[in-house]
Amino acid sequence: MAHYQRELTGDVDSLVTYLDQAIPQGSITAKYEAGTDHSIGDARMVVRAYERYSAFGGNRVSLCISILAVGDRMCLSAVSAGGSQAMFFKVNTLGEESFLARARQAIEAYPS
């Protein structure tokens, strides 16, 4: 499992729209799978799940992005998982790391 966190400022809807376009563009097999959006008072939690095929591992890898937004302040957490071929321990995490690296590039390119 690979993990990345970042604090941003801006509009959460713009960020989510941007990520829904930018992350799948990083791979021909990547796509948006599911998402949810919740609000409590001024706080919003937006969750997005993406998936892609990892040719190196011969399996699918997932990426989950959670964004907590209050006003124009956002805290983003991205976690990739899957890709290992072993039953009891991980032996191949290249697919996870690669998918997260693509997401990280997209997040860092977002103008905050």
C-alpha atoms as a PDB file:
ATOM      1  CA  MET A   1       0.000   0.000   0.000  1.00  0.00           C
ATOM      2  CA  ALA A   2       1.301   3.427  -0.941  1.00  0.00           C
ATOM      3  CA  HIS A   3       0.088   6.661   0.661  1.00  0.00           C
ATOM      4  CA  TYR A   4       0.296  10.416  -0.073  1.00  0.00           C
ATOM      5  CA  GLN A   5      -1.132  13.437   1.794  1.00  0.00           C
ATOM      6  CA  ARG A   6      -1.353  17.096   0.939  1.00  0.00           C
ATOM      7  CA  GLU A   7      -3.054  20.256   2.151  1.00  0.00           C
ATOM      8  CA  LEU A   8      -4.553  22.512  -0.517  1.00  0.00           C
ATOM      9  CA  THR A   9      -6.659  25.627  -0.836  1.00  0.00           C
ATOM     10  CA  GLY A  10      -9.413  26.275  -3.337  1.00  0.00           C
ATOM     11  CA  ASP A  11     -12.786  24.935  -4.366  1.00  0.00           C
ATOM     12  CA  VAL A  12     -13.345  21.250  -3.582  1.00  0.00           C
ATOM     13  CA  ASP A  13     -15.728  20.764  -6.520  1.00  0.00           C
ATOM     14  CA  SER A  14     -13.115  22.110  -8.943  1.00  0.00           C
ATOM     15  CA  LEU A  15     -10.466  19.822  -7.457  1.00  0.00           C
ATOM     16  CA  VAL A  16     -12.689  16.741  -7.711  1.00  0.00           C
ATOM     17  CA  THR A  17     -13.652  17.536 -11.311  1.00  0.00           C
ATOM     18  CA  TYR A  18      -9.976  18.022 -12.133  1.00  0.00           C
ATOM     19  CA  LEU A  19      -8.960  14.708 -10.503  1.00  0.00           C
ATOM     20  CA  ASP A  20     -11.810  12.787 -12.174  1.00  0.00           C
ATOM     21  CA  GLN A  21     -10.313  13.874 -15.504  1.00  0.00           C
ATOM     22  CA  ALA A  22      -6.575  13.877 -14.744  1.00  0.00           C
ATOM     23  CA  ILE A  23      -6.180  10.512 -13.019  1.00  0.00           C
ATOM     24  CA  PRO A  24      -7.794   8.344 -15.717  1.00  0.00           C
ATOM     25  CA  GLN A  25      -5.701  10.152 -18.349  1.00  0.00           C
ATOM     26  CA  GLY A  26      -2.591   8.618 -16.803  1.00  0.00           C
ATOM     27  CA  SER A  27      -3.382   5.110 -18.081  1.00  0.00           C
ATOM     28  CA  ILE A  28      -5.461   3.653 -20.881  1.00  0.00           C
ATOM     29  CA  THR A  29      -7.056   1.187 -18.407  1.00  0.00           C
ATOM     30  CA  ALA A  30      -7.640   3.667 -15.545  1.00  0.00           C
ATOM     31  CA  LYS A  31     -11.181   4.723 -14.763  1.00  0.00           C
ATOM     32  CA  TYR A  32     -13.301   6.322 -12.092  1.00  0.00           C
ATOM     33  CA  GLU A  33     -15.143   3.550 -10.226  1.00  0.00           C
ATOM     34  CA  ALA A  34     -17.223   5.127  -7.446  1.00  0.00           C
ATOM     35  CA  GLY A  35     -17.486   8.092  -5.152  1.00  0.00           C
ATOM     36  CA  THR A  36     -19.403   9.664  -2.337  1.00  0.00           C
ATOM     37  CA  ASP A  37     -19.867  13.134  -0.897  1.00  0.00           C
ATOM     38  CA  HIS A  38     -20.991  13.991   2.651  1.00  0.00           C
ATOM     39  CA  SER A  39     -21.478  17.274   4.509  1.00  0.00           C
ATOM     40  CA  ILE A  40     -21.724  18.126   8.188  1.00  0.00           C
ATOM     41  CA  GLY A  41     -22.126  21.830   8.757  1.00  0.00           C
ATOM     42  CA  ASP A  42     -19.368  23.597   6.839  1.00  0.00           C
ATOM     43  CA  ALA A  43     -17.270  20.443   6.459  1.00  0.00           C
ATOM     44  CA  ARG A  44     -17.372  18.188   3.394  1.00  0.00           C
ATOM     45  CA  MET A  45     -15.837  14.771   2.875  1.00  0.00           C
ATOM     46  CA  VAL A  46     -15.441  13.701  -0.739  1.00  0.00           C
ATOM     47  CA  VAL A  47     -14.208  10.202  -1.560  1.00  0.00           C
ATOM     48  CA  ARG A  48     -13.217   8.924  -5.002  1.00  0.00           C
ATOM     49  CA  ALA A  49     -12.130   5.423  -6.038  1.00  0.00           C
ATOM     50  CA  TYR A  50     -10.232   4.734  -9.264  1.00  0.00           C
ATOM     51  CA  GLU A  51      -8.955   1.474 -10.677  1.00  0.00           C
ATOM     52  CA  ARG A  52      -6.551   0.391 -13.396  1.00  0.00           C
ATOM     53  CA  TYR A  53      -4.905  -2.711 -14.774  1.00  0.00           C
ATOM     54  CA  SER A  54      -1.252  -3.235 -13.835  1.00  0.00           C
ATOM     55  CA  ALA A  55       0.471  -5.034 -16.707  1.00  0.00           C
ATOM     56  CA  PHE A  56       3.577  -5.643 -14.616  1.00  0.00           C
ATOM     57  CA  GLY A  57       1.610  -7.472 -11.910  1.00  0.00           C
ATOM     58  CA  GLY A  58      -1.056  -8.870 -14.197  1.00  0.00           C
ATOM     59  CA  ASN A  59      -3.848  -7.629 -11.931  1.00  0.00           C
ATOM     60  CA  ARG A  60      -5.901  -4.580 -10.995  1.00  0.00           C
ATOM     61  CA  VAL A  61      -4.798  -1.785  -8.676  1.00  0.00           C
ATOM     62  CA  SER A  62      -7.072   0.656  -6.860  1.00  0.00           C
ATOM     63  CA  LEU A  63      -6.588   4.245  -5.766  1.00  0.00           C
ATOM     64  CA  CYS A  64      -8.786   5.908  -3.158  1.00  0.00           C
ATOM     65  CA  ILE A  65      -8.716   9.670  -2.656  1.00  0.00           C
ATOM     66  CA  SER A  66     -10.393  11.291   0.349  1.00  0.00           C
ATOM     67  CA  ILE A  67     -10.729  15.051   0.632  1.00  0.00           C
ATOM     68  CA  LEU A  68     -11.839  16.869   3.773  1.00  0.00           C
ATOM     69  CA  ALA A  69     -12.850  20.426   2.912  1.00  0.00           C
ATOM     70  CA  VAL A  70     -13.805  23.273   5.226  1.00  0.00           C
ATOM     71  CA  GLY A  71     -14.285  26.546   3.408  1.00  0.00           C
ATOM     72  CA  ASP A  72     -11.423  26.833   0.939  1.00  0.00           C
ATOM     73  CA  ARG A  73      -9.053  24.652   3.017  1.00  0.00           C
ATOM     74  CA  MET A  74      -8.672  21.010   1.982  1.00  0.00           C
ATOM     75  CA  CYS A  75      -6.775  18.027   3.306  1.00  0.00           C
ATOM     76  CA  LEU A  76      -6.312  15.272   0.717  1.00  0.00           C
ATOM     77  CA  SER A  77      -5.259  11.684   1.346  1.00  0.00           C
ATOM     78  CA  ALA A  78      -4.524   9.244  -1.499  1.00  0.00           C
ATOM     79  CA  VAL A  79      -4.015   5.515  -0.920  1.00  0.00           C
ATOM     80  CA  SER A  80      -3.291   2.900  -3.573  1.00  0.00           C
ATOM     81  CA  ALA A  81      -3.678  -0.827  -2.943  1.00  0.00           C
ATOM     82  CA  GLY A  82      -3.640  -4.136  -4.776  1.00  0.00           C
ATOM     83  CA  GLY A  83      -1.142  -5.408  -7.255  1.00  0.00           C
ATOM     84  CA  SER A  84       0.598  -7.962  -5.073  1.00  0.00           C
ATOM     85  CA  GLN A  85       0.609 -11.547  -6.275  1.00  0.00           C
ATOM     86  CA  ALA A  86       1.525 -13.236  -2.988  1.00  0.00           C
ATOM     87  CA  MET A  87      -1.019 -14.743  -0.620  1.00  0.00           C
ATOM     88  CA  PHE A  88       0.426 -13.793   2.778  1.00  0.00           C
ATOM     89  CA  PHE A  89       2.809 -10.900   2.074  1.00  0.00           C
ATOM     90  CA  LYS A  90       3.467  -8.327  -0.618  1.00  0.00           C
ATOM     91  CA  VAL A  91       6.071  -9.116  -3.238  1.00  0.00           C
ATOM     92  CA  ASN A  92       5.146  -6.669  -5.997  1.00  0.00           C
ATOM     93  CA  THR A  93       4.028  -3.148  -5.180  1.00  0.00           C
ATOM     94  CA  LEU A  94       5.171  -1.482  -8.410  1.00  0.00           C
ATOM     95  CA  GLY A  95       1.614  -1.160  -9.728  1.00  0.00           C
ATOM     96  CA  GLU A  96       0.457   0.557  -6.529  1.00  0.00           C
ATOM     97  CA  GLU A  97       3.424   2.904  -6.465  1.00  0.00           C
ATOM     98  CA  SER A  98       3.048   3.773 -10.134  1.00  0.00           C
ATOM     99  CA  PHE A  99      -0.671   4.542  -9.822  1.00  0.00           C
ATOM    100  CA  LEU A 100      -0.042   6.719  -6.765  1.00  0.00           C
ATOM    101  CA  ALA A 101       2.827   8.496  -8.551  1.00  0.00           C
ATOM    102  CA  ARG A 102       0.443   9.443 -11.387  1.00  0.00           C
ATOM    103  CA  ALA A 103      -2.114  10.746  -8.884  1.00  0.00           C
ATOM    104  CA  ARG A 104       0.571  12.671  -7.035  1.00  0.00           C
ATOM    105  CA  GLN A 105       1.671  14.364 -10.273  1.00  0.00           C
ATOM    106  CA  ALA A 106      -1.915  15.377 -10.992  1.00  0.00           C
ATOM    107  CA  ILE A 107      -2.470  16.666  -7.432  1.00  0.00           C
ATOM    108  CA  GLU A 108       0.767  18.662  -7.408  1.00  0.00           C
ATOM    109  CA  ALA A 109      -0.079  20.172 -10.802  1.00  0.00           C
ATOM    110  CA  TYR A 110      -3.431  21.438  -9.480  1.00  0.00           C
ATOM    111  CA  PRO A 111      -3.247  25.221  -9.004  1.00  0.00           C
ATOM    112  CA  SER A 112      -4.022  25.767  -5.335  1.00  0.00           C
END
